[in-house]
N, C-alpha and C. Protein backbone atom coordinates (compact mmCIF):
# COMPACT_ATOMS: atom_id res chain seq x y z
N UNK A 1 -50.94 40.78 81.88
CA UNK A 1 -50.57 41.99 81.55
C UNK A 1 -51.24 41.85 80.04
N UNK A 2 -52.23 43.26 79.63
CA UNK A 2 -53.00 43.04 78.31
C UNK A 2 -51.68 43.69 77.20
N UNK A 3 -51.89 43.25 75.81
CA UNK A 3 -51.19 43.44 74.89
C UNK A 3 -51.48 44.81 74.32
N UNK A 4 -50.49 45.61 74.06
CA UNK A 4 -50.77 47.18 73.46
C UNK A 4 -51.70 46.83 72.13
N UNK A 5 -52.42 47.57 71.87
CA UNK A 5 -53.02 47.86 70.29
C UNK A 5 -51.91 47.87 69.22
N UNK A 6 -51.68 47.25 68.51
CA UNK A 6 -50.77 47.21 67.45
C UNK A 6 -50.88 48.73 66.71
N UNK A 7 -52.25 48.90 66.56
CA UNK A 7 -51.97 50.17 65.68
C UNK A 7 -51.45 51.72 66.19
N UNK A 8 -51.16 51.44 67.52
CA UNK A 8 -50.74 52.52 68.57
C UNK A 8 -48.94 52.45 68.71
N UNK A 9 -48.65 51.22 68.29
CA UNK A 9 -47.25 51.25 68.35
C UNK A 9 -46.23 51.92 67.27
N UNK A 10 -45.04 52.36 67.53
CA UNK A 10 -44.30 53.25 66.46
C UNK A 10 -44.04 52.50 65.22
N UNK A 11 -44.02 52.89 64.69
CA UNK A 11 -43.88 52.56 62.82
C UNK A 11 -44.83 51.42 62.30
N UNK A 12 -46.17 51.51 63.11
CA UNK A 12 -47.20 50.91 62.34
C UNK A 12 -47.51 51.82 60.96
N UNK A 13 -48.09 50.90 60.13
CA UNK A 13 -48.17 51.15 58.78
C UNK A 13 -49.70 51.85 58.77
N UNK A 14 -49.88 52.99 58.36
CA UNK A 14 -51.41 53.66 58.31
C UNK A 14 -52.24 52.77 57.72
N UNK A 15 -53.63 53.12 58.00
CA UNK A 15 -54.53 52.10 57.35
C UNK A 15 -54.49 52.65 56.00
N UNK A 16 -54.88 51.21 55.11
CA UNK A 16 -55.20 51.75 53.72
C UNK A 16 -56.56 51.94 53.48
N UNK A 17 -56.80 52.33 52.16
CA UNK A 17 -57.99 52.65 51.91
C UNK A 17 -58.81 51.10 51.29
N UNK A 18 -59.85 51.01 51.27
CA UNK A 18 -60.10 49.87 50.30
C UNK A 18 -60.33 49.74 48.94
N UNK A 19 -59.53 48.85 48.41
CA UNK A 19 -59.83 49.27 46.79
C UNK A 19 -60.80 49.05 46.44
N UNK A 20 -61.26 49.64 45.38
CA UNK A 20 -62.27 49.12 44.59
C UNK A 20 -62.11 48.15 43.55
N UNK A 21 -63.24 47.21 43.47
CA UNK A 21 -62.99 46.30 42.40
C UNK A 21 -62.90 46.37 40.74
N UNK A 22 -61.78 46.17 40.18
CA UNK A 22 -61.55 46.81 38.92
C UNK A 22 -60.85 48.04 38.39
N UNK A 23 -60.40 48.22 39.50
CA UNK A 23 -59.79 49.98 39.53
C UNK A 23 -58.20 49.71 38.76
N UNK A 24 -57.77 48.53 39.30
CA UNK A 24 -56.82 48.46 37.89
C UNK A 24 -56.86 48.07 36.92
N UNK A 25 -57.78 47.39 36.39
CA UNK A 25 -58.23 47.20 35.40
C UNK A 25 -58.30 48.71 34.26
N UNK A 26 -59.54 49.16 35.01
CA UNK A 26 -59.72 50.72 34.43
C UNK A 26 -58.41 51.54 34.25
N UNK A 27 -57.63 51.31 34.98
CA UNK A 27 -56.10 52.15 34.91
C UNK A 27 -55.88 51.50 33.41
N UNK A 28 -55.47 50.32 33.52
CA UNK A 28 -54.78 49.99 32.53
C UNK A 28 -55.43 50.28 31.09
N UNK A 29 -56.73 50.00 30.89
CA UNK A 29 -57.69 50.82 29.98
C UNK A 29 -57.42 51.90 29.65
N UNK A 30 -57.14 52.60 30.40
CA UNK A 30 -56.76 54.34 30.15
C UNK A 30 -55.53 54.64 29.55
N UNK A 31 -54.97 53.40 30.03
CA UNK A 31 -53.33 54.10 29.49
C UNK A 31 -53.19 53.33 28.04
N UNK A 32 -54.07 52.23 27.54
CA UNK A 32 -54.01 51.86 26.35
C UNK A 32 -54.96 52.63 25.66
N UNK A 33 -56.16 53.52 26.01
CA UNK A 33 -56.98 54.38 25.21
C UNK A 33 -55.83 55.47 24.66
N UNK A 34 -55.25 56.12 25.72
CA UNK A 34 -54.25 56.90 25.34
C UNK A 34 -53.26 57.02 24.42
N UNK A 35 -52.86 55.72 24.75
CA UNK A 35 -51.59 55.18 23.58
C UNK A 35 -52.25 55.14 22.02
N UNK A 36 -53.67 54.61 22.05
CA UNK A 36 -54.49 54.43 20.81
C UNK A 36 -54.39 55.32 19.94
N UNK A 37 -54.65 56.66 20.65
CA UNK A 37 -55.04 57.87 19.97
C UNK A 37 -54.02 58.46 19.81
N UNK A 38 -52.63 58.43 20.12
CA UNK A 38 -51.23 58.82 19.41
C UNK A 38 -50.89 58.67 18.40
N UNK A 39 -50.25 59.17 17.59
CA UNK A 39 -49.59 58.50 16.35
C UNK A 39 -48.57 58.23 16.59
N UNK A 40 -48.48 56.75 15.61
CA UNK A 40 -47.35 55.99 15.73
C UNK A 40 -46.17 56.30 14.84
N UNK A 41 -44.69 56.56 15.25
CA UNK A 41 -43.60 56.88 14.78
C UNK A 41 -42.90 56.07 14.57
N UNK A 42 -42.57 55.39 13.42
CA UNK A 42 -41.74 54.18 12.95
C UNK A 42 -40.87 54.52 12.38
N UNK A 43 -39.51 53.98 12.56
CA UNK A 43 -38.23 54.53 11.76
C UNK A 43 -38.04 53.46 10.88
N UNK A 44 -38.14 53.68 9.69
CA UNK A 44 -37.92 52.75 8.55
C UNK A 44 -36.46 52.40 8.41
N UNK A 45 -36.01 51.93 9.35
CA UNK A 45 -34.62 51.51 9.15
C UNK A 45 -34.53 49.98 8.77
N UNK A 46 -34.02 49.58 7.59
CA UNK A 46 -32.86 50.04 7.08
C UNK A 46 -32.96 51.16 5.93
N UNK A 47 -34.05 50.82 4.92
CA UNK A 47 -34.58 51.87 4.09
C UNK A 47 -34.49 53.42 4.35
N UNK A 48 -34.54 53.83 5.75
CA UNK A 48 -34.40 55.20 5.78
C UNK A 48 -33.40 55.33 6.86
N UNK A 49 -32.03 55.97 6.56
CA UNK A 49 -31.06 55.96 7.96
C UNK A 49 -31.48 57.14 9.12
N UNK A 50 -31.29 56.61 9.96
CA UNK A 50 -31.71 57.25 11.19
C UNK A 50 -31.04 59.09 11.47
N UNK A 51 -31.65 59.50 11.85
CA UNK A 51 -31.06 61.36 11.81
C UNK A 51 -30.20 61.23 13.49
N UNK A 52 -28.89 60.82 13.28
CA UNK A 52 -28.14 60.56 14.64
C UNK A 52 -27.81 62.00 14.92
N UNK A 53 -27.69 62.25 16.37
CA UNK A 53 -26.99 63.54 16.82
C UNK A 53 -25.60 63.50 16.51
N UNK A 54 -25.23 65.03 16.48
CA UNK A 54 -23.85 65.09 16.06
C UNK A 54 -22.98 64.57 16.49
N UNK A 55 -23.06 64.32 18.09
CA UNK A 55 -22.07 63.56 18.74
C UNK A 55 -22.27 62.01 19.52
N UNK A 56 -22.97 61.45 18.47
CA UNK A 56 -23.20 60.08 18.36
C UNK A 56 -21.95 59.42 18.53
N UNK A 57 -21.89 58.18 19.48
CA UNK A 57 -20.64 57.49 19.63
C UNK A 57 -20.47 56.20 19.14
N UNK A 58 -20.41 56.11 17.63
CA UNK A 58 -20.33 54.67 16.88
C UNK A 58 -19.12 54.01 16.85
N UNK A 59 -18.46 54.45 15.95
CA UNK A 59 -16.86 53.73 15.94
C UNK A 59 -16.08 54.64 16.25
N UNK A 60 -14.45 54.36 16.29
CA UNK A 60 -13.62 55.29 16.72
C UNK A 60 -12.67 55.34 15.37
N UNK A 61 -12.33 56.49 14.62
CA UNK A 61 -11.42 56.59 13.62
C UNK A 61 -10.46 56.91 13.99
N UNK A 62 -9.33 56.44 13.21
CA UNK A 62 -7.62 56.78 13.57
C UNK A 62 -7.21 57.68 12.66
N UNK A 63 -6.79 59.02 12.58
CA UNK A 63 -5.83 59.96 11.78
C UNK A 63 -4.59 59.55 12.06
N UNK A 64 -3.77 58.59 11.63
CA UNK A 64 -2.76 57.92 11.66
C UNK A 64 -1.26 59.09 11.55
N UNK A 65 -1.74 60.20 10.79
CA UNK A 65 -0.47 61.08 10.61
C UNK A 65 -0.41 61.78 12.04
N UNK A 66 -1.25 61.81 12.98
CA UNK A 66 -1.26 62.42 13.95
C UNK A 66 -0.51 61.87 15.27
N UNK A 67 -0.77 60.27 14.85
CA UNK A 67 -0.42 59.57 16.03
C UNK A 67 1.40 59.62 16.24
N UNK A 68 1.61 59.90 17.71
CA UNK A 68 3.13 60.01 17.90
C UNK A 68 3.58 58.56 18.65
N UNK A 69 2.54 57.69 18.97
CA UNK A 69 2.79 56.45 19.48
C UNK A 69 3.11 56.59 21.35
N UNK A 70 2.38 57.48 21.80
CA UNK A 70 2.79 58.06 23.11
C UNK A 70 1.99 57.09 24.01
N UNK A 71 1.19 56.25 23.62
CA UNK A 71 0.61 55.22 24.41
C UNK A 71 -0.66 55.38 25.20
N UNK A 72 -0.77 56.68 25.31
CA UNK A 72 -1.76 57.05 26.23
C UNK A 72 -2.91 56.98 26.32
N UNK A 73 -3.47 56.31 25.15
CA UNK A 73 -4.60 56.06 24.90
C UNK A 73 -5.04 54.33 25.42
N UNK A 74 -3.82 53.67 25.10
CA UNK A 74 -3.57 52.30 25.37
C UNK A 74 -3.77 51.95 27.01
N UNK A 75 -2.80 53.14 27.62
CA UNK A 75 -2.74 53.23 29.18
C UNK A 75 -4.32 53.17 29.82
N UNK A 76 -4.80 54.47 29.16
CA UNK A 76 -6.02 55.08 29.81
C UNK A 76 -7.42 54.04 29.67
N UNK A 77 -7.11 53.04 28.65
CA UNK A 77 -8.36 52.37 28.35
C UNK A 77 -8.52 51.31 29.45
N UNK A 78 -9.91 51.59 29.85
CA UNK A 78 -10.27 50.73 31.20
C UNK A 78 -10.30 49.20 30.46
N UNK A 79 -10.87 49.22 29.50
CA UNK A 79 -11.06 47.67 29.01
C UNK A 79 -9.76 47.19 28.32
N UNK A 80 -8.90 47.75 28.46
CA UNK A 80 -7.53 47.33 27.49
C UNK A 80 -8.04 46.71 26.16
N UNK A 81 -8.58 47.50 25.41
CA UNK A 81 -9.18 46.85 24.11
C UNK A 81 -8.20 47.53 23.02
N UNK A 82 -7.04 48.64 23.22
CA UNK A 82 -6.25 49.23 22.52
C UNK A 82 -4.92 48.21 22.15
N UNK A 83 -4.43 47.75 20.94
CA UNK A 83 -3.36 47.36 20.68
C UNK A 83 -2.51 48.01 20.12
N UNK A 84 -1.08 48.34 20.32
CA UNK A 84 -0.39 49.13 19.87
C UNK A 84 1.25 48.57 20.07
N UNK A 85 1.58 48.49 18.49
CA UNK A 85 3.03 48.28 18.02
C UNK A 85 3.87 49.00 17.45
N UNK A 86 4.84 49.35 18.02
CA UNK A 86 6.12 50.56 17.23
C UNK A 86 7.51 50.14 17.30
N UNK A 87 8.32 50.84 16.45
CA UNK A 87 9.60 50.62 16.66
C UNK A 87 10.17 51.76 16.52
N UNK A 88 11.48 51.87 16.70
CA UNK A 88 12.34 53.51 17.02
C UNK A 88 13.05 53.59 15.63
N UNK A 89 13.09 54.64 15.18
CA UNK A 89 14.02 54.91 13.71
C UNK A 89 14.54 56.02 13.85
N UNK A 90 16.00 56.16 13.38
CA UNK A 90 17.02 57.09 13.50
C UNK A 90 16.72 58.25 12.31
N UNK A 91 16.87 59.63 12.74
CA UNK A 91 16.33 60.71 12.02
C UNK A 91 17.58 61.30 11.61
N UNK A 92 18.16 61.41 10.44
CA UNK A 92 19.30 62.31 10.49
C UNK A 92 19.03 63.79 10.74
N UNK A 93 20.55 64.46 10.98
CA UNK A 93 20.18 65.80 11.40
C UNK A 93 19.65 66.76 10.40
N UNK A 94 18.55 67.73 10.73
CA UNK A 94 18.20 68.63 9.68
C UNK A 94 19.47 69.30 9.16
N UNK A 95 20.06 69.77 10.03
CA UNK A 95 21.34 70.76 9.36
C UNK A 95 22.94 69.94 9.38
N UNK A 96 23.68 70.47 8.98
CA UNK A 96 25.01 69.88 9.13
C UNK A 96 25.80 69.91 10.18
N UNK A 97 25.92 69.35 11.15
CA UNK A 97 26.76 69.42 12.68
C UNK A 97 25.56 69.09 13.73
N UNK A 98 24.39 68.36 13.23
CA UNK A 98 23.56 68.49 14.12
C UNK A 98 23.53 67.28 14.63
N UNK A 99 22.32 66.77 15.57
CA UNK A 99 22.33 65.47 16.11
C UNK A 99 21.59 64.83 15.88
N UNK A 100 21.47 63.28 15.63
CA UNK A 100 20.49 62.37 14.83
C UNK A 100 19.48 62.40 16.38
N UNK A 101 18.32 62.20 16.08
CA UNK A 101 16.95 61.69 16.63
C UNK A 101 16.52 60.48 16.63
N UNK A 102 16.25 60.06 17.34
CA UNK A 102 15.03 58.88 17.43
C UNK A 102 13.72 59.39 17.45
N UNK A 103 12.82 58.65 16.63
CA UNK A 103 11.44 58.57 16.65
C UNK A 103 10.81 57.53 16.66
N UNK A 104 9.47 57.64 17.12
CA UNK A 104 8.39 56.12 17.24
C UNK A 104 7.77 55.93 15.79
N UNK A 105 7.79 54.85 15.36
CA UNK A 105 7.03 54.64 14.25
C UNK A 105 5.94 53.56 14.44
N UNK A 106 4.77 53.92 14.12
CA UNK A 106 3.74 52.98 14.40
C UNK A 106 3.63 51.82 13.08
N UNK A 107 3.41 50.78 13.95
CA UNK A 107 3.65 49.59 13.32
C UNK A 107 1.84 48.61 13.25
N UNK A 108 1.28 48.85 14.38
CA UNK A 108 -0.13 48.72 14.40
C UNK A 108 -0.60 49.38 15.60
N UNK A 109 -1.88 49.41 15.28
CA UNK A 109 -2.89 50.21 15.93
C UNK A 109 -4.46 49.67 15.94
N UNK A 110 -4.72 48.82 16.57
CA UNK A 110 -6.12 48.16 16.53
C UNK A 110 -6.65 48.18 17.70
N UNK A 111 -7.90 48.41 17.57
CA UNK A 111 -9.06 48.48 18.60
C UNK A 111 -9.89 47.34 18.49
N UNK A 112 -10.61 46.67 19.61
CA UNK A 112 -11.02 45.34 19.49
C UNK A 112 -12.48 46.18 20.04
N UNK A 113 -13.29 45.91 19.22
CA UNK A 113 -14.74 46.78 19.81
C UNK A 113 -15.65 45.71 20.15
N UNK A 114 -15.43 44.20 20.34
CA UNK A 114 -15.82 43.63 20.98
C UNK A 114 -15.74 43.87 22.53
N UNK A 115 -14.80 44.61 23.12
CA UNK A 115 -14.63 44.66 24.39
C UNK A 115 -14.69 46.17 24.58
N UNK A 116 -14.74 46.67 23.73
CA UNK A 116 -14.77 48.33 23.82
C UNK A 116 -16.39 48.86 24.46
N UNK A 117 -16.19 49.83 25.36
CA UNK A 117 -17.59 49.74 26.13
C UNK A 117 -17.67 51.56 25.73
N UNK A 118 -17.14 52.29 24.55
CA UNK A 118 -17.45 53.34 24.25
C UNK A 118 -17.51 54.68 25.07
N UNK A 119 -16.50 54.26 26.19
CA UNK A 119 -16.60 55.68 27.34
C UNK A 119 -16.04 56.72 26.70
N UNK A 120 -15.10 56.40 25.54
CA UNK A 120 -14.56 57.70 24.94
C UNK A 120 -13.20 58.35 25.61
N UNK A 121 -12.58 57.44 26.61
CA UNK A 121 -11.41 57.88 27.07
C UNK A 121 -10.34 58.41 26.68
N UNK A 122 -9.89 57.04 25.40
CA UNK A 122 -9.29 57.43 24.52
C UNK A 122 -9.15 58.59 23.68
N UNK A 123 -10.28 59.27 22.99
CA UNK A 123 -10.40 60.30 22.46
C UNK A 123 -10.18 61.55 23.30
N UNK A 124 -10.70 61.32 24.63
CA UNK A 124 -10.57 62.47 25.46
C UNK A 124 -8.96 62.85 25.49
N UNK A 125 -8.09 61.75 25.96
CA UNK A 125 -6.66 61.93 26.68
C UNK A 125 -5.42 61.99 25.33
N UNK A 126 -6.29 62.10 23.97
CA UNK A 126 -5.43 61.68 22.95
C UNK A 126 -4.49 63.33 22.90
N UNK A 127 -3.64 63.56 23.11
CA UNK A 127 -3.11 65.09 23.16
C UNK A 127 -2.74 65.43 21.71
N UNK A 128 -2.40 64.75 20.48
CA UNK A 128 -2.23 64.77 19.48
C UNK A 128 -3.68 65.14 18.38
N UNK A 129 -4.99 64.52 18.85
CA UNK A 129 -6.08 64.52 18.27
C UNK A 129 -5.82 63.69 17.32
N UNK A 130 -5.61 62.51 17.37
CA UNK A 130 -5.65 61.17 16.39
C UNK A 130 -6.46 60.36 16.46
N UNK A 131 -7.45 60.25 17.20
CA UNK A 131 -8.94 59.61 17.49
C UNK A 131 -9.84 60.56 17.63
N UNK A 132 -10.75 59.74 16.54
CA UNK A 132 -12.05 60.81 16.54
C UNK A 132 -13.20 60.01 16.82
N UNK A 133 -14.54 60.20 17.12
CA UNK A 133 -15.91 59.51 17.05
C UNK A 133 -16.25 59.84 15.18
N UNK A 134 -16.89 58.88 15.13
CA UNK A 134 -17.57 58.30 13.82
C UNK A 134 -18.92 58.10 14.17
N UNK A 135 -20.05 58.72 13.50
CA UNK A 135 -21.29 58.38 13.97
C UNK A 135 -21.96 56.87 13.50
N UNK A 136 -20.87 56.30 13.02
CA UNK A 136 -21.28 54.90 11.86
C UNK A 136 -21.67 53.89 13.16
N UNK A 137 -22.73 52.94 12.83
CA UNK A 137 -22.88 52.04 13.85
C UNK A 137 -22.76 50.48 13.06
N UNK A 138 -23.07 50.43 11.99
CA UNK A 138 -23.16 49.30 11.01
C UNK A 138 -22.10 48.67 10.76
N UNK A 139 -21.47 48.08 11.70
CA UNK A 139 -20.26 47.18 11.67
C UNK A 139 -20.05 45.94 12.27
N UNK A 140 -21.41 45.33 12.40
CA UNK A 140 -21.82 44.19 13.34
C UNK A 140 -21.01 43.26 12.30
N UNK A 141 -20.78 41.80 13.04
CA UNK A 141 -20.16 40.74 12.42
C UNK A 141 -20.39 39.73 12.69
N UNK A 142 -20.43 38.51 11.92
CA UNK A 142 -20.94 37.27 12.50
C UNK A 142 -20.14 36.29 13.30
N UNK A 143 -18.50 36.85 13.22
CA UNK A 143 -17.41 36.42 13.64
C UNK A 143 -17.02 37.50 14.61
N UNK A 144 -16.79 37.04 16.06
CA UNK A 144 -16.34 38.23 16.96
C UNK A 144 -15.15 38.28 16.74
N UNK A 145 -14.01 38.03 15.59
CA UNK A 145 -12.66 38.10 15.62
C UNK A 145 -12.62 39.13 14.63
N UNK A 146 -13.78 39.34 13.94
CA UNK A 146 -13.90 40.17 12.87
C UNK A 146 -13.86 41.63 13.36
N UNK A 147 -14.28 41.99 14.78
CA UNK A 147 -14.72 43.08 15.54
C UNK A 147 -13.35 43.72 15.89
N UNK A 148 -12.34 43.09 15.93
CA UNK A 148 -10.87 44.10 15.98
C UNK A 148 -10.46 44.93 14.87
N UNK A 149 -10.80 46.19 15.00
CA UNK A 149 -10.21 46.91 13.38
C UNK A 149 -8.72 47.00 13.65
N UNK A 150 -8.07 46.55 12.80
CA UNK A 150 -6.82 47.19 12.34
C UNK A 150 -6.66 48.79 11.85
N UNK A 151 -5.76 49.31 12.04
CA UNK A 151 -5.47 50.61 11.47
C UNK A 151 -5.60 51.05 10.40
N UNK A 152 -5.54 49.95 9.37
CA UNK A 152 -6.58 50.35 7.98
C UNK A 152 -7.94 50.76 7.83
N UNK A 153 -8.50 49.96 8.78
CA UNK A 153 -10.13 49.93 8.97
C UNK A 153 -10.19 51.21 9.66
N UNK A 154 -9.55 51.20 10.85
CA UNK A 154 -9.98 52.43 11.29
C UNK A 154 -9.61 53.78 10.60
N UNK A 155 -8.58 53.74 9.66
CA UNK A 155 -8.44 54.73 8.90
C UNK A 155 -9.49 55.00 7.74
N UNK A 156 -9.88 54.22 7.23
CA UNK A 156 -11.55 54.59 6.57
C UNK A 156 -12.76 54.91 7.23
N UNK A 157 -12.56 54.74 8.54
CA UNK A 157 -13.95 55.20 9.19
C UNK A 157 -13.44 57.07 9.44
N UNK A 158 -12.24 57.17 9.40
CA UNK A 158 -12.19 58.94 9.20
C UNK A 158 -12.90 59.77 8.11
N UNK A 159 -13.28 58.97 6.97
CA UNK A 159 -13.79 59.59 5.96
C UNK A 159 -15.34 59.75 6.67
N UNK A 160 -15.60 59.10 7.73
CA UNK A 160 -17.61 59.10 8.12
C UNK A 160 -17.60 60.26 9.32
N UNK A 161 -16.22 60.90 9.72
CA UNK A 161 -16.14 61.47 10.82
C UNK A 161 -16.86 63.07 10.63
N UNK A 162 -17.84 63.37 11.14
CA UNK A 162 -18.68 64.70 10.46
C UNK A 162 -17.45 65.98 10.88
N UNK A 163 -17.70 66.91 10.48
CA UNK A 163 -17.04 68.33 10.54
C UNK A 163 -17.41 68.96 11.55
N UNK A 164 -16.23 69.77 12.33
CA UNK A 164 -16.88 69.94 13.52
C UNK A 164 -17.41 71.14 13.79
N UNK A 165 -18.45 71.56 14.75
CA UNK A 165 -19.58 72.59 15.02
C UNK A 165 -18.78 73.82 14.28
N UNK A 166 -19.38 74.68 13.71
CA UNK A 166 -19.05 76.15 13.45
C UNK A 166 -18.71 76.79 14.77
N UNK A 167 -17.89 77.75 14.98
CA UNK A 167 -17.66 78.49 15.97
C UNK A 167 -18.95 79.26 16.26
N UNK A 168 -19.27 79.61 17.80
CA UNK A 168 -19.94 80.65 17.84
C UNK A 168 -19.70 82.12 17.29
N UNK A 169 -20.84 82.59 16.68
CA UNK A 169 -19.86 84.18 16.14
C UNK A 169 -19.71 85.17 17.22
N UNK A 170 -20.36 85.15 18.26
CA UNK A 170 -20.29 86.27 19.25
C UNK A 170 -19.11 85.65 20.47
N UNK A 171 -18.21 84.49 20.11
CA UNK A 171 -17.11 83.97 20.92
C UNK A 171 -15.94 84.64 20.96
N UNK A 172 -15.04 84.75 22.02
CA UNK A 172 -13.76 85.31 21.78
C UNK A 172 -13.16 84.69 20.73
N UNK A 173 -12.28 85.32 20.06
CA UNK A 173 -11.30 84.89 18.80
C UNK A 173 -10.40 83.65 20.09
N UNK A 174 -10.02 82.57 19.53
CA UNK A 174 -8.76 81.94 20.19
C UNK A 174 -7.66 82.41 20.27
N UNK A 175 -7.04 82.23 21.35
CA UNK A 175 -5.60 83.15 21.63
C UNK A 175 -4.27 82.30 20.67
N UNK A 176 -4.70 81.32 19.91
CA UNK A 176 -3.55 81.01 19.03
C UNK A 176 -3.85 81.83 17.80
N UNK A 177 -5.08 82.19 17.40
CA UNK A 177 -5.22 83.03 16.13
C UNK A 177 -4.74 84.23 16.29
N UNK A 178 -5.27 84.60 17.40
CA UNK A 178 -5.37 86.25 17.85
C UNK A 178 -3.75 86.44 17.88
N UNK A 179 -2.80 85.42 18.44
CA UNK A 179 -1.43 85.54 18.47
C UNK A 179 -1.01 85.34 17.26
N UNK A 180 -1.29 84.95 16.27
CA UNK A 180 -0.61 84.67 14.69
C UNK A 180 -1.42 85.80 13.98
N UNK A 181 -2.53 86.50 14.23
CA UNK A 181 -2.65 87.69 13.60
C UNK A 181 -2.19 88.84 13.68
N UNK A 182 -1.48 89.00 15.07
CA UNK A 182 -0.87 90.12 15.49
C UNK A 182 0.16 90.05 14.84
N UNK A 183 0.96 89.04 15.03
CA UNK A 183 2.28 88.66 14.36
C UNK A 183 2.51 88.99 12.96
N UNK A 184 1.36 88.72 12.38
CA UNK A 184 1.25 88.93 10.77
C UNK A 184 1.26 89.92 10.50
N UNK A 185 0.22 90.98 11.25
CA UNK A 185 0.15 92.32 11.17
C UNK A 185 1.57 93.47 11.74
N UNK A 186 2.16 92.77 12.22
CA UNK A 186 3.71 93.43 12.80
C UNK A 186 4.66 93.30 11.56
N UNK A 187 4.28 91.86 11.30
CA UNK A 187 5.52 91.66 9.87
C UNK A 187 5.13 92.42 8.36
N UNK A 188 3.60 92.49 8.33
CA UNK A 188 3.26 93.65 7.21
C UNK A 188 3.47 94.75 7.57
N UNK A 189 3.48 95.29 8.57
CA UNK A 189 3.79 96.72 9.10
C UNK A 189 5.36 97.11 9.14
N UNK A 190 6.20 95.87 8.80
CA UNK A 190 7.38 96.17 8.93
C UNK A 190 8.09 96.31 7.53
N UNK A 191 7.17 95.61 6.54
CA UNK A 191 7.96 95.20 5.11
C UNK A 191 7.36 96.37 4.79
N UNK A 192 6.34 97.38 4.69
CA UNK A 192 5.64 98.57 4.21
C UNK A 192 6.69 99.51 4.40
N UNK A 193 7.01 99.57 6.02
CA UNK A 193 7.80 100.55 6.38
C UNK A 193 7.11 101.75 6.77
N UNK A 194 7.40 102.81 7.43
CA UNK A 194 6.55 103.83 7.52
C UNK A 194 6.42 105.05 6.37
N UNK A 195 5.36 105.48 6.54
CA UNK A 195 4.97 106.45 5.21
C UNK A 195 5.23 107.40 5.45
N UNK A 196 6.00 108.55 4.83
CA UNK A 196 6.28 110.00 5.25
C UNK A 196 5.15 110.91 4.53
N UNK A 197 4.75 111.70 5.25
CA UNK A 197 3.68 112.81 5.00
C UNK A 197 4.37 113.35 3.78
N UNK A 198 3.60 113.35 2.31
CA UNK A 198 3.91 114.23 1.32
C UNK A 198 3.57 115.88 1.44
N UNK A 199 4.19 116.91 1.27
CA UNK A 199 3.85 118.23 1.29
C UNK A 199 2.95 118.35 0.25
N UNK A 200 2.19 119.73 0.76
CA UNK A 200 1.55 120.30 -0.73
C UNK A 200 2.62 120.79 -1.67
N UNK A 201 2.55 120.33 -2.99
CA UNK A 201 3.27 121.16 -4.32
C UNK A 201 2.95 122.52 -4.40
N UNK A 202 3.76 123.29 -4.69
CA UNK A 202 3.57 124.68 -5.02
C UNK A 202 2.83 124.90 -6.14
């Protein structure tokens, strides 16, 4: 029995065109010529600082006053690079006859940037806005142990956090501000009292 023609088999590759000798070299030279005619743009770093986007993920700053030691950032961190230590303190009652309360006091807040993968989960899950992105990226160290930034260093990065962008002028007023404004208007109206219409003088 004769062997079937290989070109008639299912899945056979279509016939290819014969390659022109030197076509690859010509394509490479064309790319080189196009690149040579373009103007080169070289960033003069570090003499000139780069213009970074406003949402650059450089380093994480800590606003310690907002931290309630809820440990949410440390639990959600996929790299386990956030270290938090705290202790409890008893707060005396605010009014006579009240009950004492206990609160968490932050002892240590550190981030190991040699492990951090800059995913931003800790910043997103923080319910009290204690963590912020800073565009600073010049914090390389010769010793890897120096990449663990304690809370004093993290607080210094807060000075480099850019201001939030301005709200869209056409956007709706936030509900919190609208409710506070309505309450203030009601209080102002109650303090002034209703004004009685004065009659005409004879």
